[in-house]
Amino acid sequence: MHELSVALSLVELAGEHARRLNGARILVLHVRIGRLSGVVKEALEFSFDAAAEGTPVQGARLVIEEVPITVRCADCRADSPVEHPHDVRCPACASSSTTVVGGRELDLAALEVSDGNAAANR
């Protein structure tokens, strides 16, 4: 299961931050997942608790933001979300000269720690 390895990586990253913050307790992990990332949200949620067990991240919540597929049009220069990964024509002008510029993300965007502050992970 690919999502288990992703969950283990997220737990490891969050654990490193907890150690840098003198053992602060991690309350929430904010994760951004693009529709083209290959990660299934439900499978990641299922894997996360098992991956976090026995770590400084145990008991933390996983908040997932799903990132839409976005294309940039070479003709009209518009950045537009598209619904289907196989139809990446520009919604603004119908051109097929597009480049995918969003939707591949797999980021640990932020952590919420026990003192209530958020620590960015970028």
Protein backbone atom coordinates (compact mmCIF):
# COMPACT_ATOMS: atom_id res chain seq x y z
CA MET A 1 0.00 0.00 0.00
CA HIS A 2 1.63 3.23 -1.24
CA GLU A 3 -0.33 5.35 1.25
CA LEU A 4 1.26 3.56 4.21
CA SER A 5 4.73 4.67 3.09
CA VAL A 6 3.39 8.22 2.65
CA ALA A 7 1.89 8.10 6.15
CA LEU A 8 5.19 6.83 7.61
CA SER A 9 7.05 9.70 5.90
CA LEU A 10 4.58 12.26 7.26
CA VAL A 11 4.96 10.85 10.78
CA GLU A 12 8.75 10.95 10.46
CA LEU A 13 8.73 14.59 9.29
CA ALA A 14 6.33 15.65 12.04
CA GLY A 15 8.39 13.75 14.63
CA GLU A 16 11.53 15.61 13.52
CA HIS A 17 9.73 18.91 14.01
CA ALA A 18 8.52 17.82 17.45
CA ARG A 19 12.12 17.07 18.46
CA ARG A 20 13.29 20.48 17.16
CA LEU A 21 10.55 22.09 19.24
CA ASN A 22 11.85 20.40 22.40
CA GLY A 23 9.38 17.54 22.30
CA ALA A 24 6.27 19.62 21.63
CA ARG A 25 3.17 17.50 21.10
CA ILE A 26 1.91 17.43 17.52
CA LEU A 27 -1.84 18.03 17.44
CA VAL A 28 -2.64 18.36 13.72
CA LEU A 29 -0.85 17.68 10.44
CA HIS A 30 -2.12 19.72 7.48
CA VAL A 31 -1.41 17.90 4.22
CA ARG A 32 -2.04 18.98 0.62
CA ILE A 33 -2.73 16.18 -1.87
CA GLY A 34 -3.12 16.84 -5.59
CA ARG A 35 -5.60 14.84 -7.62
CA LEU A 36 -2.72 13.65 -9.82
CA SER A 37 -0.45 12.64 -6.92
CA GLY A 38 -1.56 9.02 -6.94
CA VAL A 39 -2.47 9.14 -3.25
CA VAL A 40 -5.96 8.02 -2.23
CA LYS A 41 -7.21 10.26 0.58
CA GLU A 42 -9.20 7.55 2.37
CA ALA A 43 -6.30 5.07 2.26
CA LEU A 44 -3.93 7.69 3.69
CA GLU A 45 -6.38 8.49 6.50
CA PHE A 46 -6.67 4.77 7.26
CA SER A 47 -2.88 4.30 7.30
CA PHE A 48 -2.05 7.39 9.32
CA ASP A 49 -3.17 6.17 12.77
CA ALA A 50 -1.22 2.92 12.42
CA ALA A 51 1.89 4.79 11.25
CA ALA A 52 1.67 7.26 14.15
CA GLU A 53 1.22 4.66 16.89
CA GLY A 54 4.03 4.80 19.45
CA THR A 55 5.50 8.03 18.02
CA PRO A 56 5.33 11.68 19.14
CA VAL A 57 2.60 12.07 16.51
CA GLN A 58 0.26 9.47 18.06
CA GLY A 59 -3.20 10.95 18.58
CA ALA A 60 -2.67 13.81 16.12
CA ARG A 61 -5.32 14.62 13.55
CA LEU A 62 -4.64 14.49 9.83
CA VAL A 63 -6.31 17.30 7.87
CA ILE A 64 -6.16 16.81 4.12
CA GLU A 65 -6.68 19.53 1.53
CA GLU A 66 -7.39 18.10 -1.90
CA VAL A 67 -5.73 20.19 -4.63
CA PRO A 68 -7.52 20.32 -8.00
CA ILE A 69 -5.84 19.79 -11.35
CA THR A 70 -4.90 23.20 -12.76
CA VAL A 71 -3.68 23.94 -16.28
CA ARG A 72 -1.96 27.00 -17.73
CA CYS A 73 -2.92 27.90 -21.29
CA ALA A 74 -0.13 28.87 -23.68
CA ASP A 75 -2.60 30.78 -25.86
CA CYS A 76 -4.65 32.90 -23.42
CA ARG A 77 -2.30 32.58 -20.40
CA ALA A 78 -5.17 31.65 -18.06
CA ASP A 79 -4.64 29.29 -15.13
CA SER A 80 -7.80 27.21 -14.80
CA PRO A 81 -8.94 24.17 -12.82
CA VAL A 82 -10.03 21.18 -14.90
CA GLU A 83 -12.28 18.38 -13.78
CA HIS A 84 -10.86 15.39 -15.64
CA PRO A 85 -7.17 14.51 -15.96
CA HIS A 86 -7.63 13.27 -19.53
CA ASP A 87 -9.28 16.46 -20.76
CA VAL A 88 -6.84 19.28 -20.09
CA ARG A 89 -8.12 21.74 -22.69
CA CYS A 90 -8.28 25.33 -21.51
CA PRO A 91 -11.74 25.99 -20.04
CA ALA A 92 -11.37 29.69 -20.93
CA CYS A 93 -10.56 29.42 -24.67
CA ALA A 94 -10.75 25.66 -25.47
CA SER A 95 -7.11 25.55 -26.58
CA SER A 96 -5.28 22.24 -26.21
CA SER A 97 -1.96 24.07 -25.67
CA THR A 98 -1.94 23.64 -21.91
CA THR A 99 0.53 22.62 -19.25
CA VAL A 100 -0.45 21.06 -15.94
CA VAL A 101 0.68 23.45 -13.18
CA GLY A 102 -1.24 22.07 -10.20
CA GLY A 103 -2.61 18.82 -8.91
CA ARG A 104 0.59 16.83 -8.34
CA GLU A 105 1.20 18.16 -4.83
CA LEU A 106 1.98 15.95 -1.87
CA ASP A 107 3.01 18.37 0.87
CA LEU A 108 3.11 18.51 4.62
CA ALA A 109 1.93 22.13 4.62
CA ALA A 110 1.76 22.88 8.37
CA LEU A 111 1.77 21.42 11.85
CA GLU A 112 -0.22 22.51 14.87
CA VAL A 113 1.66 21.88 18.10
CA SER A 114 0.67 21.77 21.77
CA ASP A 115 1.30 25.47 22.39
CA GLY A 116 -1.23 26.39 19.66
CA ASN A 117 1.25 27.74 17.13
CA ALA A 118 1.57 26.42 13.61
CA ALA A 119 4.98 25.47 12.27
CA ALA A 120 5.40 25.56 8.50
CA ASN A 121 7.17 22.68 6.77
CA ARG A 122 8.45 24.16 3.54
